[in-house]
Amino acid sequence: LTAFAATGEILSRQAAIGAALILAGI
């Protein structure tokens, strides 16, 4: 979120799936 806000970084599909899995686990 910080990288997105500061530089507009977009997640790849793989990274987005990984982030979704982290959030789902939490």
mmCIF file of all heavy atoms, coordinates in Angstrom:
data_MODEL
# 
_entry.id   MODEL 
# 
loop_
_atom_site.group_PDB 
_atom_site.id 
_atom_site.type_symbol 
_atom_site.label_atom_id 
_atom_site.label_alt_id 
_atom_site.label_comp_id 
_atom_site.label_asym_id 
_atom_site.label_entity_id 
_atom_site.label_seq_id 
_atom_site.pdbx_PDB_ins_code 
_atom_site.Cartn_x 
_atom_site.Cartn_y 
_atom_site.Cartn_z 
_atom_site.occupancy 
_atom_site.B_iso_or_equiv 
_atom_site.pdbx_formal_charge 
_atom_site.auth_seq_id 
_atom_site.auth_comp_id 
_atom_site.auth_asym_id 
_atom_site.auth_atom_id 
_atom_site.pdbx_PDB_model_num 
ATOM 1   N N   . LEU A 1 1  ? 0.833  -1.206  0.000   1.00 0.00 ? 1  LEU A N   1 
ATOM 2   C CA  . LEU A 1 1  ? 0.000  0.000   0.000   1.00 0.00 ? 1  LEU A CA  1 
ATOM 3   C C   . LEU A 1 1  ? 0.869  1.257   0.000   1.00 0.00 ? 1  LEU A C   1 
ATOM 4   O O   . LEU A 1 1  ? 0.571  2.227   -0.699  1.00 0.00 ? 1  LEU A O   1 
ATOM 5   C CB  . LEU A 1 1  ? -0.947 0.003   1.204   1.00 0.00 ? 1  LEU A CB  1 
ATOM 6   C CG  . LEU A 1 1  ? -2.095 -0.996  1.147   1.00 0.00 ? 1  LEU A CG  1 
ATOM 7   C CD1 . LEU A 1 1  ? -2.841 -1.031  2.479   1.00 0.00 ? 1  LEU A CD1 1 
ATOM 8   C CD2 . LEU A 1 1  ? -3.042 -0.676  0.001   1.00 0.00 ? 1  LEU A CD2 1 
ATOM 9   N N   . THR A 1 2  ? 1.965  1.228   0.756   1.00 0.00 ? 2  THR A N   1 
ATOM 10  C CA  . THR A 1 2  ? 2.889  2.353   0.772   1.00 0.00 ? 2  THR A CA  1 
ATOM 11  C C   . THR A 1 2  ? 3.547  2.529   -0.590  1.00 0.00 ? 2  THR A C   1 
ATOM 12  O O   . THR A 1 2  ? 3.655  3.649   -1.109  1.00 0.00 ? 2  THR A O   1 
ATOM 13  C CB  . THR A 1 2  ? 3.959  2.152   1.865   1.00 0.00 ? 2  THR A CB  1 
ATOM 14  O OG1 . THR A 1 2  ? 3.303  2.007   3.125   1.00 0.00 ? 2  THR A OG1 1 
ATOM 15  C CG2 . THR A 1 2  ? 4.926  3.324   1.916   1.00 0.00 ? 2  THR A CG2 1 
ATOM 16  N N   . ALA A 1 3  ? 3.981  1.420   -1.199  1.00 0.00 ? 3  ALA A N   1 
ATOM 17  C CA  . ALA A 1 3  ? 4.605  1.489   -2.526  1.00 0.00 ? 3  ALA A CA  1 
ATOM 18  C C   . ALA A 1 3  ? 3.609  1.987   -3.569  1.00 0.00 ? 3  ALA A C   1 
ATOM 19  O O   . ALA A 1 3  ? 3.968  2.756   -4.463  1.00 0.00 ? 3  ALA A O   1 
ATOM 20  C CB  . ALA A 1 3  ? 5.145  0.115   -2.926  1.00 0.00 ? 3  ALA A CB  1 
ATOM 21  N N   . PHE A 1 4  ? 2.367  1.578   -3.447  1.00 0.00 ? 4  PHE A N   1 
ATOM 22  C CA  . PHE A 1 4  ? 1.339  2.037   -4.381  1.00 0.00 ? 4  PHE A CA  1 
ATOM 23  C C   . PHE A 1 4  ? 1.101  3.534   -4.209  1.00 0.00 ? 4  PHE A C   1 
ATOM 24  O O   . PHE A 1 4  ? 1.045  4.283   -5.193  1.00 0.00 ? 4  PHE A O   1 
ATOM 25  C CB  . PHE A 1 4  ? 0.035  1.264   -4.169  1.00 0.00 ? 4  PHE A CB  1 
ATOM 26  C CG  . PHE A 1 4  ? -1.076 1.724   -5.059  1.00 0.00 ? 4  PHE A CG  1 
ATOM 27  C CD1 . PHE A 1 4  ? -1.103 1.366   -6.399  1.00 0.00 ? 4  PHE A CD1 1 
ATOM 28  C CD2 . PHE A 1 4  ? -2.097 2.526   -4.567  1.00 0.00 ? 4  PHE A CD2 1 
ATOM 29  C CE1 . PHE A 1 4  ? -2.121 1.796   -7.236  1.00 0.00 ? 4  PHE A CE1 1 
ATOM 30  C CE2 . PHE A 1 4  ? -3.115 2.960   -5.384  1.00 0.00 ? 4  PHE A CE2 1 
ATOM 31  C CZ  . PHE A 1 4  ? -3.129 2.599   -6.728  1.00 0.00 ? 4  PHE A CZ  1 
ATOM 32  N N   . ALA A 1 5  ? 0.977  3.979   -2.953  1.00 0.00 ? 5  ALA A N   1 
ATOM 33  C CA  . ALA A 1 5  ? 0.722  5.400   -2.694  1.00 0.00 ? 5  ALA A CA  1 
ATOM 34  C C   . ALA A 1 5  ? 1.918  6.264   -3.096  1.00 0.00 ? 5  ALA A C   1 
ATOM 35  O O   . ALA A 1 5  ? 1.745  7.360   -3.636  1.00 0.00 ? 5  ALA A O   1 
ATOM 36  C CB  . ALA A 1 5  ? 0.390  5.611   -1.214  1.00 0.00 ? 5  ALA A CB  1 
ATOM 37  N N   . ALA A 1 6  ? 3.138  5.777   -2.850  1.00 0.00 ? 6  ALA A N   1 
ATOM 38  C CA  . ALA A 1 6  ? 4.325  6.588   -3.114  1.00 0.00 ? 6  ALA A CA  1 
ATOM 39  C C   . ALA A 1 6  ? 4.755  6.565   -4.577  1.00 0.00 ? 6  ALA A C   1 
ATOM 40  O O   . ALA A 1 6  ? 5.186  7.583   -5.111  1.00 0.00 ? 6  ALA A O   1 
ATOM 41  C CB  . ALA A 1 6  ? 5.477  6.112   -2.237  1.00 0.00 ? 6  ALA A CB  1 
ATOM 42  N N   . THR A 1 7  ? 4.629  5.395   -5.228  1.00 0.00 ? 7  THR A N   1 
ATOM 43  C CA  . THR A 1 7  ? 5.187  5.274   -6.581  1.00 0.00 ? 7  THR A CA  1 
ATOM 44  C C   . THR A 1 7  ? 4.211  4.712   -7.602  1.00 0.00 ? 7  THR A C   1 
ATOM 45  O O   . THR A 1 7  ? 4.568  4.553   -8.769  1.00 0.00 ? 7  THR A O   1 
ATOM 46  C CB  . THR A 1 7  ? 6.434  4.363   -6.580  1.00 0.00 ? 7  THR A CB  1 
ATOM 47  O OG1 . THR A 1 7  ? 6.044  3.024   -6.233  1.00 0.00 ? 7  THR A OG1 1 
ATOM 48  C CG2 . THR A 1 7  ? 7.490  4.873   -5.617  1.00 0.00 ? 7  THR A CG2 1 
ATOM 49  N N   . GLY A 1 8  ? 2.988  4.373   -7.166  1.00 0.00 ? 8  GLY A N   1 
ATOM 50  C CA  . GLY A 1 8  ? 2.019  3.814   -8.098  1.00 0.00 ? 8  GLY A CA  1 
ATOM 51  C C   . GLY A 1 8  ? 2.297  2.366   -8.470  1.00 0.00 ? 8  GLY A C   1 
ATOM 52  O O   . GLY A 1 8  ? 1.814  1.880   -9.493  1.00 0.00 ? 8  GLY A O   1 
ATOM 53  N N   . GLU A 1 9  ? 3.071  1.661   -7.650  1.00 0.00 ? 9  GLU A N   1 
ATOM 54  C CA  . GLU A 1 9  ? 3.424  0.270   -7.946  1.00 0.00 ? 9  GLU A CA  1 
ATOM 55  C C   . GLU A 1 9  ? 2.168  -0.601  -8.025  1.00 0.00 ? 9  GLU A C   1 
ATOM 56  O O   . GLU A 1 9  ? 1.294  -0.538  -7.170  1.00 0.00 ? 9  GLU A O   1 
ATOM 57  C CB  . GLU A 1 9  ? 4.362  -0.286  -6.879  1.00 0.00 ? 9  GLU A CB  1 
ATOM 58  C CG  . GLU A 1 9  ? 4.788  -1.711  -7.142  1.00 0.00 ? 9  GLU A CG  1 
ATOM 59  C CD  . GLU A 1 9  ? 5.767  -2.225  -6.102  1.00 0.00 ? 9  GLU A CD  1 
ATOM 60  O OE1 . GLU A 1 9  ? 6.572  -1.431  -5.592  1.00 0.00 ? 9  GLU A OE1 1 
ATOM 61  O OE2 . GLU A 1 9  ? 5.715  -3.422  -5.799  1.00 0.00 ? 9  GLU A OE2 1 
ATOM 62  N N   . ILE A 1 10 ? 2.102  -1.415  -9.057  1.00 0.00 ? 10 ILE A N   1 
ATOM 63  C CA  . ILE A 1 10 ? 0.981  -2.322  -9.272  1.00 0.00 ? 10 ILE A CA  1 
ATOM 64  C C   . ILE A 1 10 ? 1.461  -3.748  -9.027  1.00 0.00 ? 10 ILE A C   1 
ATOM 65  O O   . ILE A 1 10 ? 2.550  -4.126  -9.470  1.00 0.00 ? 10 ILE A O   1 
ATOM 66  C CB  . ILE A 1 10 ? 0.429  -2.199  -10.714 1.00 0.00 ? 10 ILE A CB  1 
ATOM 67  C CG1 . ILE A 1 10 ? 0.026  -0.757  -11.009 1.00 0.00 ? 10 ILE A CG1 1 
ATOM 68  C CG2 . ILE A 1 10 ? -0.726 -3.150  -10.950 1.00 0.00 ? 10 ILE A CG2 1 
ATOM 69  C CD1 . ILE A 1 10 ? -1.119 -0.234  -10.171 1.00 0.00 ? 10 ILE A CD1 1 
ATOM 70  N N   . LEU A 1 11 ? 0.642  -4.558  -8.352  1.00 0.00 ? 11 LEU A N   1 
ATOM 71  C CA  . LEU A 1 11 ? 1.004  -5.947  -8.096  1.00 0.00 ? 11 LEU A CA  1 
ATOM 72  C C   . LEU A 1 11 ? 0.795  -6.801  -9.341  1.00 0.00 ? 11 LEU A C   1 
ATOM 73  O O   . LEU A 1 11 ? -0.164 -6.609  -10.084 1.00 0.00 ? 11 LEU A O   1 
ATOM 74  C CB  . LEU A 1 11 ? 0.142  -6.529  -6.976  1.00 0.00 ? 11 LEU A CB  1 
ATOM 75  C CG  . LEU A 1 11 ? 0.374  -6.028  -5.565  1.00 0.00 ? 11 LEU A CG  1 
ATOM 76  C CD1 . LEU A 1 11 ? -0.579 -6.720  -4.601  1.00 0.00 ? 11 LEU A CD1 1 
ATOM 77  C CD2 . LEU A 1 11 ? 1.800  -6.261  -5.126  1.00 0.00 ? 11 LEU A CD2 1 
ATOM 78  N N   . SER A 1 12 ? 1.684  -7.775  -9.533  1.00 0.00 ? 12 SER A N   1 
ATOM 79  C CA  . SER A 1 12 ? 1.460  -8.766  -10.580 1.00 0.00 ? 12 SER A CA  1 
ATOM 80  C C   . SER A 1 12 ? 0.314  -9.683  -10.134 1.00 0.00 ? 12 SER A C   1 
ATOM 81  O O   . SER A 1 12 ? -0.101 -9.661  -8.977  1.00 0.00 ? 12 SER A O   1 
ATOM 82  C CB  . SER A 1 12 ? 2.727  -9.595  -10.793 1.00 0.00 ? 12 SER A CB  1 
ATOM 83  O OG  . SER A 1 12 ? 2.967  -10.412 -9.651  1.00 0.00 ? 12 SER A OG  1 
ATOM 84  N N   . ARG A 1 13 ? -0.178 -10.481 -11.045 1.00 0.00 ? 13 ARG A N   1 
ATOM 85  C CA  . ARG A 1 13 ? -1.274 -11.402 -10.703 1.00 0.00 ? 13 ARG A CA  1 
ATOM 86  C C   . ARG A 1 13 ? -0.826 -12.346 -9.590  1.00 0.00 ? 13 ARG A C   1 
ATOM 87  O O   . ARG A 1 13 ? -1.572 -12.578 -8.643  1.00 0.00 ? 13 ARG A O   1 
ATOM 88  C CB  . ARG A 1 13 ? -1.718 -12.195 -11.925 1.00 0.00 ? 13 ARG A CB  1 
ATOM 89  C CG  . ARG A 1 13 ? -2.900 -13.067 -11.606 1.00 0.00 ? 13 ARG A CG  1 
ATOM 90  C CD  . ARG A 1 13 ? -3.559 -13.754 -12.794 1.00 0.00 ? 13 ARG A CD  1 
ATOM 91  N NE  . ARG A 1 13 ? -2.923 -13.578 -14.064 1.00 0.00 ? 13 ARG A NE  1 
ATOM 92  C CZ  . ARG A 1 13 ? -2.547 -14.573 -14.864 1.00 0.00 ? 13 ARG A CZ  1 
ATOM 93  N NH1 . ARG A 1 13 ? -2.734 -15.813 -14.512 1.00 0.00 ? 13 ARG A NH1 1 
ATOM 94  N NH2 . ARG A 1 13 ? -1.990 -14.333 -16.025 1.00 0.00 ? 13 ARG A NH2 1 
ATOM 95  N N   . GLN A 1 14 ? 0.398  -12.884 -9.693  1.00 0.00 ? 14 GLN A N   1 
ATOM 96  C CA  . GLN A 1 14 ? 0.910  -13.795 -8.677  1.00 0.00 ? 14 GLN A CA  1 
ATOM 97  C C   . GLN A 1 14 ? 1.003  -13.104 -7.313  1.00 0.00 ? 14 GLN A C   1 
ATOM 98  O O   . GLN A 1 14 ? 0.618  -13.673 -6.293  1.00 0.00 ? 14 GLN A O   1 
ATOM 99  C CB  . GLN A 1 14 ? 2.294  -14.311 -9.065  1.00 0.00 ? 14 GLN A CB  1 
ATOM 100 C CG  . GLN A 1 14 ? 2.283  -15.291 -10.210 1.00 0.00 ? 14 GLN A CG  1 
ATOM 101 C CD  . GLN A 1 14 ? 3.702  -15.627 -10.610 1.00 0.00 ? 14 GLN A CD  1 
ATOM 102 O OE1 . GLN A 1 14 ? 4.364  -14.793 -11.221 1.00 0.00 ? 14 GLN A OE1 1 
ATOM 103 N NE2 . GLN A 1 14 ? 4.161  -16.801 -10.261 1.00 0.00 ? 14 GLN A NE2 1 
ATOM 104 N N   . ALA A 1 15 ? 1.518  -11.894 -7.288  1.00 0.00 ? 15 ALA A N   1 
ATOM 105 C CA  . ALA A 1 15 ? 1.652  -11.160 -6.028  1.00 0.00 ? 15 ALA A CA  1 
ATOM 106 C C   . ALA A 1 15 ? 0.280  -10.824 -5.454  1.00 0.00 ? 15 ALA A C   1 
ATOM 107 O O   . ALA A 1 15 ? 0.080  -10.887 -4.237  1.00 0.00 ? 15 ALA A O   1 
ATOM 108 C CB  . ALA A 1 15 ? 2.474  -9.898  -6.228  1.00 0.00 ? 15 ALA A CB  1 
ATOM 109 N N   . ALA A 1 16 ? -0.674 -10.473 -6.301  1.00 0.00 ? 16 ALA A N   1 
ATOM 110 C CA  . ALA A 1 16 ? -2.028 -10.177 -5.826  1.00 0.00 ? 16 ALA A CA  1 
ATOM 111 C C   . ALA A 1 16 ? -2.669 -11.423 -5.222  1.00 0.00 ? 16 ALA A C   1 
ATOM 112 O O   . ALA A 1 16 ? -3.341 -11.340 -4.185  1.00 0.00 ? 16 ALA A O   1 
ATOM 113 C CB  . ALA A 1 16 ? -2.875 -9.636  -6.971  1.00 0.00 ? 16 ALA A CB  1 
ATOM 114 N N   . ILE A 1 17 ? -2.459 -12.572 -5.834  1.00 0.00 ? 17 ILE A N   1 
ATOM 115 C CA  . ILE A 1 17 ? -2.996 -13.823 -5.285  1.00 0.00 ? 17 ILE A CA  1 
ATOM 116 C C   . ILE A 1 17 ? -2.341 -14.111 -3.932  1.00 0.00 ? 17 ILE A C   1 
ATOM 117 O O   . ILE A 1 17 ? -3.017 -14.495 -2.971  1.00 0.00 ? 17 ILE A O   1 
ATOM 118 C CB  . ILE A 1 17 ? -2.787 -14.991 -6.273  1.00 0.00 ? 17 ILE A CB  1 
ATOM 119 C CG1 . ILE A 1 17 ? -3.693 -14.799 -7.498  1.00 0.00 ? 17 ILE A CG1 1 
ATOM 120 C CG2 . ILE A 1 17 ? -3.058 -16.338 -5.614  1.00 0.00 ? 17 ILE A CG2 1 
ATOM 121 C CD1 . ILE A 1 17 ? -3.389 -15.740 -8.647  1.00 0.00 ? 17 ILE A CD1 1 
ATOM 122 N N   . GLY A 1 18 ? -1.022 -13.899 -3.840  1.00 0.00 ? 18 GLY A N   1 
ATOM 123 C CA  . GLY A 1 18 ? -0.330 -14.090 -2.565  1.00 0.00 ? 18 GLY A CA  1 
ATOM 124 C C   . GLY A 1 18 ? -0.865 -13.162 -1.486  1.00 0.00 ? 18 GLY A C   1 
ATOM 125 O O   . GLY A 1 18 ? -1.092 -13.587 -0.355  1.00 0.00 ? 18 GLY A O   1 
ATOM 126 N N   . ALA A 1 19 ? -1.094 -11.898 -1.841  1.00 0.00 ? 19 ALA A N   1 
ATOM 127 C CA  . ALA A 1 19 ? -1.651 -10.944 -0.873  1.00 0.00 ? 19 ALA A CA  1 
ATOM 128 C C   . ALA A 1 19 ? -3.053 -11.367 -0.436  1.00 0.00 ? 19 ALA A C   1 
ATOM 129 O O   . ALA A 1 19 ? -3.390 -11.285 0.742   1.00 0.00 ? 19 ALA A O   1 
ATOM 130 C CB  . ALA A 1 19 ? -1.686 -9.548  -1.481  1.00 0.00 ? 19 ALA A CB  1 
ATOM 131 N N   . ALA A 1 20 ? -3.847 -11.835 -1.383  1.00 0.00 ? 20 ALA A N   1 
ATOM 132 C CA  . ALA A 1 20 ? -5.204 -12.300 -1.050  1.00 0.00 ? 20 ALA A CA  1 
ATOM 133 C C   . ALA A 1 20 ? -5.139 -13.505 -0.109  1.00 0.00 ? 20 ALA A C   1 
ATOM 134 O O   . ALA A 1 20 ? -5.944 -13.615 0.825   1.00 0.00 ? 20 ALA A O   1 
ATOM 135 C CB  . ALA A 1 20 ? -5.969 -12.642 -2.319  1.00 0.00 ? 20 ALA A CB  1 
ATOM 136 N N   . LEU A 1 21 ? -4.185 -14.396 -0.329  1.00 0.00 ? 21 LEU A N   1 
ATOM 137 C CA  . LEU A 1 21 ? -4.042 -15.557 0.552   1.00 0.00 ? 21 LEU A CA  1 
ATOM 138 C C   . LEU A 1 21 ? -3.615 -15.142 1.956   1.00 0.00 ? 21 LEU A C   1 
ATOM 139 O O   . LEU A 1 21 ? -4.105 -15.694 2.948   1.00 0.00 ? 21 LEU A O   1 
ATOM 140 C CB  . LEU A 1 21 ? -3.039 -16.552 -0.047  1.00 0.00 ? 21 LEU A CB  1 
ATOM 141 C CG  . LEU A 1 21 ? -3.518 -17.309 -1.278  1.00 0.00 ? 21 LEU A CG  1 
ATOM 142 C CD1 . LEU A 1 21 ? -2.379 -18.119 -1.887  1.00 0.00 ? 21 LEU A CD1 1 
ATOM 143 C CD2 . LEU A 1 21 ? -4.695 -18.205 -0.947  1.00 0.00 ? 21 LEU A CD2 1 
ATOM 144 N N   . ILE A 1 22 ? -2.718 -14.160 2.050   1.00 0.00 ? 22 ILE A N   1 
ATOM 145 C CA  . ILE A 1 22 ? -2.316 -13.654 3.371   1.00 0.00 ? 22 ILE A CA  1 
ATOM 146 C C   . ILE A 1 22 ? -3.531 -13.088 4.099   1.00 0.00 ? 22 ILE A C   1 
ATOM 147 O O   . ILE A 1 22 ? -3.792 -13.412 5.259   1.00 0.00 ? 22 ILE A O   1 
ATOM 148 C CB  . ILE A 1 22 ? -1.217 -12.575 3.243   1.00 0.00 ? 22 ILE A CB  1 
ATOM 149 C CG1 . ILE A 1 22 ? 0.096  -13.206 2.791   1.00 0.00 ? 22 ILE A CG1 1 
ATOM 150 C CG2 . ILE A 1 22 ? -1.022 -11.829 4.567   1.00 0.00 ? 22 ILE A CG2 1 
ATOM 151 C CD1 . ILE A 1 22 ? 1.169  -12.182 2.436   1.00 0.00 ? 22 ILE A CD1 1 
ATOM 152 N N   . LEU A 1 23 ? -4.282 -12.230 3.425   1.00 0.00 ? 23 LEU A N   1 
ATOM 153 C CA  . LEU A 1 23 ? -5.460 -11.632 4.055   1.00 0.00 ? 23 LEU A CA  1 
ATOM 154 C C   . LEU A 1 23 ? -6.496 -12.683 4.414   1.00 0.00 ? 23 LEU A C   1 
ATOM 155 O O   . LEU A 1 23 ? -7.127 -12.617 5.473   1.00 0.00 ? 23 LEU A O   1 
ATOM 156 C CB  . LEU A 1 23 ? -6.061 -10.572 3.132   1.00 0.00 ? 23 LEU A CB  1 
ATOM 157 C CG  . LEU A 1 23 ? -5.217 -9.311  2.972   1.00 0.00 ? 23 LEU A CG  1 
ATOM 158 C CD1 . LEU A 1 23 ? -5.822 -8.394  1.924   1.00 0.00 ? 23 LEU A CD1 1 
ATOM 159 C CD2 . LEU A 1 23 ? -5.068 -8.590  4.292   1.00 0.00 ? 23 LEU A CD2 1 
ATOM 160 N N   . ALA A 1 24 ? -6.702 -13.679 3.539   1.00 0.00 ? 24 ALA A N   1 
ATOM 161 C CA  . ALA A 1 24 ? -7.668 -14.749 3.830   1.00 0.00 ? 24 ALA A CA  1 
ATOM 162 C C   . ALA A 1 24 ? -7.236 -15.530 5.070   1.00 0.00 ? 24 ALA A C   1 
ATOM 163 O O   . ALA A 1 24 ? -8.069 -15.861 5.925   1.00 0.00 ? 24 ALA A O   1 
ATOM 164 C CB  . ALA A 1 24 ? -7.802 -15.672 2.626   1.00 0.00 ? 24 ALA A CB  1 
ATOM 165 N N   . GLY A 1 25 ? -5.939 -15.817 5.186   1.00 0.00 ? 25 GLY A N   1 
ATOM 166 C CA  . GLY A 1 25 ? -5.456 -16.528 6.362   1.00 0.00 ? 25 GLY A CA  1 
ATOM 167 C C   . GLY A 1 25 ? -5.675 -15.735 7.637   1.00 0.00 ? 25 GLY A C   1 
ATOM 168 O O   . GLY A 1 25 ? -6.078 -16.285 8.663   1.00 0.00 ? 25 GLY A O   1 
ATOM 169 N N   . ILE A 1 26 ? -5.435 -14.435 7.578   1.00 0.00 ? 26 ILE A N   1 
ATOM 170 C CA  . ILE A 1 26 ? -5.649 -13.585 8.749   1.00 0.00 ? 26 ILE A CA  1 
ATOM 171 C C   . ILE A 1 26 ? -7.130 -13.556 9.119   1.00 0.00 ? 26 ILE A C   1 
ATOM 172 O O   . ILE A 1 26 ? -7.500 -13.686 10.292  1.00 0.00 ? 26 ILE A O   1 
ATOM 173 C CB  . ILE A 1 26 ? -5.107 -12.169 8.485   1.00 0.00 ? 26 ILE A CB  1 
ATOM 174 C CG1 . ILE A 1 26 ? -3.584 -12.214 8.406   1.00 0.00 ? 26 ILE A CG1 1 
ATOM 175 C CG2 . ILE A 1 26 ? -5.561 -11.189 9.563   1.00 0.00 ? 26 ILE A CG2 1 
ATOM 176 C CD1 . ILE A 1 26 ? -2.957 -10.949 7.884   1.00 0.00 ? 26 ILE A CD1 1 
# 
